[in-house]
């Protein structure tokens, strides 16, 4: 996976969850056969109604974590704006009903 590209106008946003993938490779003489499983960072993300998983390098994981944080902040801001819009609408309707 190439590094996440950031445009000059907007940084990369990603939706999903970063987690640690733990697995055994199946080689009988490997350390994972004795319980020390292989670990790697991974991203679980929605696509087409299903959850997909993408294994990442450590460098990619830090970039993905930053993109996920930017998405969460943008979503929180959008949710706050939507709540403010609803409050404005409710106040306008209540005012109209009081005048009637």
C-alpha atoms as a PDB file:
ATOM      1  CA  UNK A   1       0.000   0.000   0.000  1.00  0.00           C
ATOM      2  CA  UNK A   2       1.534   3.353  -0.981  1.00  0.00           C
ATOM      3  CA  UNK A   3       1.716   6.075   1.651  1.00  0.00           C
ATOM      4  CA  UNK A   4      -1.517   7.932   2.211  1.00  0.00           C
ATOM      5  CA  UNK A   5      -1.535  10.997   0.000  1.00  0.00           C
ATOM      6  CA  UNK A   6      -2.608  14.303   1.367  1.00  0.00           C
ATOM      7  CA  UNK A   7      -3.851  16.967  -0.965  1.00  0.00           C
ATOM      8  CA  UNK A   8      -2.864  20.502  -0.141  1.00  0.00           C
ATOM      9  CA  UNK A   9      -6.483  21.421   0.513  1.00  0.00           C
ATOM     10  CA  UNK A  10      -7.692  18.458   2.600  1.00  0.00           C
ATOM     11  CA  UNK A  11      -5.909  15.710   4.546  1.00  0.00           C
ATOM     12  CA  UNK A  12      -6.791  12.048   4.104  1.00  0.00           C
ATOM     13  CA  UNK A  13      -9.854  10.752   5.981  1.00  0.00           C
ATOM     14  CA  UNK A  14     -10.540   7.071   6.612  1.00  0.00           C
ATOM     15  CA  UNK A  15     -13.499   5.307   8.162  1.00  0.00           C
ATOM     16  CA  UNK A  16     -12.973   2.039   9.992  1.00  0.00           C
ATOM     17  CA  UNK A  17     -11.197   0.527  12.973  1.00  0.00           C
ATOM     18  CA  UNK A  18      -7.523  -0.094  13.551  1.00  0.00           C
ATOM     19  CA  UNK A  19      -6.748  -3.329  15.378  1.00  0.00           C
ATOM     20  CA  UNK A  20      -3.989  -5.899  15.892  1.00  0.00           C
ATOM     21  CA  UNK A  21      -4.310  -9.031  13.796  1.00  0.00           C
ATOM     22  CA  UNK A  22      -3.048 -12.154  15.629  1.00  0.00           C
ATOM     23  CA  UNK A  23      -2.536 -15.378  13.751  1.00  0.00           C
ATOM     24  CA  UNK A  24      -0.581 -18.614  13.419  1.00  0.00           C
ATOM     25  CA  UNK A  25       1.234 -19.335  10.166  1.00  0.00           C
ATOM     26  CA  UNK A  26       0.858 -23.108  10.364  1.00  0.00           C
ATOM     27  CA  UNK A  27       4.554 -24.010  10.192  1.00  0.00           C
ATOM     28  CA  UNK A  28       5.107 -26.685  12.872  1.00  0.00           C
ATOM     29  CA  UNK A  29       8.562 -25.378  13.910  1.00  0.00           C
ATOM     30  CA  UNK A  30       7.572 -21.695  14.035  1.00  0.00           C
ATOM     31  CA  UNK A  31       7.376 -19.805  17.334  1.00  0.00           C
ATOM     32  CA  UNK A  32       3.646 -19.352  16.767  1.00  0.00           C
ATOM     33  CA  UNK A  33       3.126 -23.100  17.178  1.00  0.00           C
ATOM     34  CA  UNK A  34       4.292 -22.655  20.784  1.00  0.00           C
ATOM     35  CA  UNK A  35       1.839 -19.827  21.403  1.00  0.00           C
ATOM     36  CA  UNK A  36       3.775 -16.710  20.313  1.00  0.00           C
ATOM     37  CA  UNK A  37       1.428 -15.703  17.513  1.00  0.00           C
ATOM     38  CA  UNK A  38       2.365 -13.337  14.688  1.00  0.00           C
ATOM     39  CA  UNK A  39       0.910  -9.856  15.051  1.00  0.00           C
ATOM     40  CA  UNK A  40       0.416  -7.037  12.591  1.00  0.00           C
ATOM     41  CA  UNK A  41      -1.712  -3.905  12.501  1.00  0.00           C
ATOM     42  CA  UNK A  42      -4.838  -4.069  10.356  1.00  0.00           C
ATOM     43  CA  UNK A  43      -7.726  -1.873   9.303  1.00  0.00           C
ATOM     44  CA  UNK A  44     -11.320  -3.104   9.292  1.00  0.00           C
ATOM     45  CA  UNK A  45     -13.406  -0.926   6.998  1.00  0.00           C
ATOM     46  CA  UNK A  46     -16.907  -1.063   5.482  1.00  0.00           C
ATOM     47  CA  UNK A  47     -17.252  -1.633   1.758  1.00  0.00           C
ATOM     48  CA  UNK A  48     -20.342  -2.665  -0.141  1.00  0.00           C
ATOM     49  CA  UNK A  49     -22.270  -3.664   2.969  1.00  0.00           C
ATOM     50  CA  UNK A  50     -19.469  -5.912   4.240  1.00  0.00           C
ATOM     51  CA  UNK A  51     -16.517  -5.422   6.537  1.00  0.00           C
ATOM     52  CA  UNK A  52     -13.169  -5.784   4.786  1.00  0.00           C
ATOM     53  CA  UNK A  53      -9.764  -6.174   6.435  1.00  0.00           C
ATOM     54  CA  UNK A  54      -6.485  -4.716   5.229  1.00  0.00           C
ATOM     55  CA  UNK A  55      -3.156  -5.713   6.809  1.00  0.00           C
ATOM     56  CA  UNK A  56      -0.817  -2.753   7.319  1.00  0.00           C
ATOM     57  CA  UNK A  57       2.841  -2.050   7.997  1.00  0.00           C
ATOM     58  CA  UNK A  58       3.769  -0.233  11.210  1.00  0.00           C
ATOM     59  CA  UNK A  59       4.360   2.998   9.241  1.00  0.00           C
ATOM     60  CA  UNK A  60       1.012   2.695   7.497  1.00  0.00           C
ATOM     61  CA  UNK A  61      -0.678   2.025  10.846  1.00  0.00           C
ATOM     62  CA  UNK A  62       0.412   5.396  12.229  1.00  0.00           C
ATOM     63  CA  UNK A  63      -0.782   7.166   9.058  1.00  0.00           C
ATOM     64  CA  UNK A  64      -4.088   5.277   9.181  1.00  0.00           C
ATOM     65  CA  UNK A  65      -4.552   6.112  12.882  1.00  0.00           C
ATOM     66  CA  UNK A  66      -4.141   9.809  12.080  1.00  0.00           C
ATOM     67  CA  UNK A  67      -6.621   9.569   9.169  1.00  0.00           C
ATOM     68  CA  UNK A  68      -9.132   7.760  11.410  1.00  0.00           C
ATOM     69  CA  UNK A  69      -8.772  10.494  14.043  1.00  0.00           C
ATOM     70  CA  UNK A  70      -9.388  13.183  11.397  1.00  0.00           C
ATOM     71  CA  UNK A  71     -12.516  11.309  10.255  1.00  0.00           C
ATOM     72  CA  UNK A  72     -13.802  11.074  13.847  1.00  0.00           C
ATOM     73  CA  UNK A  73     -13.222  14.799  14.389  1.00  0.00           C
ATOM     74  CA  UNK A  74     -14.940  15.702  11.109  1.00  0.00           C
ATOM     75  CA  UNK A  75     -17.889  13.430  11.953  1.00  0.00           C
ATOM     76  CA  UNK A  76     -18.212  14.968  15.426  1.00  0.00           C
ATOM     77  CA  UNK A  77     -18.217  18.454  13.896  1.00  0.00           C
ATOM     78  CA  UNK A  78     -20.817  17.456  11.311  1.00  0.00           C
ATOM     79  CA  UNK A  79     -23.007  15.843  14.007  1.00  0.00           C
ATOM     80  CA  UNK A  80     -22.763  19.023  16.106  1.00  0.00           C
ATOM     81  CA  UNK A  81     -23.773  21.166  13.126  1.00  0.00           C
ATOM     82  CA  UNK A  82     -26.703  18.851  12.395  1.00  0.00           C
ATOM     83  CA  UNK A  83     -27.834  19.030  16.030  1.00  0.00           C
ATOM     84  CA  UNK A  84     -27.625  22.838  15.919  1.00  0.00           C
ATOM     85  CA  UNK A  85     -29.652  22.842  12.712  1.00  0.00           C
ATOM     86  CA  UNK A  86     -32.310  20.670  14.323  1.00  0.00           C
ATOM     87  CA  UNK A  87     -32.428  22.954  17.377  1.00  0.00           C
ATOM     88  CA  UNK A  88     -32.933  25.960  15.075  1.00  0.00           C
ATOM     89  CA  UNK A  89     -35.712  24.200  13.184  1.00  0.00           C
ATOM     90  CA  UNK A  90     -37.457  23.109  16.394  1.00  0.00           C
ATOM     91  CA  UNK A  91     -37.286  26.670  17.768  1.00  0.00           C
ATOM     92  CA  UNK A  92     -38.682  28.075  14.513  1.00  0.00           C
ATOM     93  CA  UNK A  93     -41.582  25.600  14.497  1.00  0.00           C
ATOM     94  CA  UNK A  94     -42.327  26.222  18.198  1.00  0.00           C
ATOM     95  CA  UNK A  95     -42.300  29.990  17.570  1.00  0.00           C
ATOM     96  CA  UNK A  96     -44.653  29.607  14.603  1.00  0.00           C
ATOM     97  CA  UNK A  97     -47.037  27.486  16.686  1.00  0.00           C
ATOM     98  CA  UNK A  98     -47.022  30.054  19.512  1.00  0.00           C
ATOM     99  CA  UNK A  99     -47.984  32.799  17.052  1.00  0.00           C
ATOM    100  CA  UNK A 100     -50.885  30.775  15.633  1.00  0.00           C
END
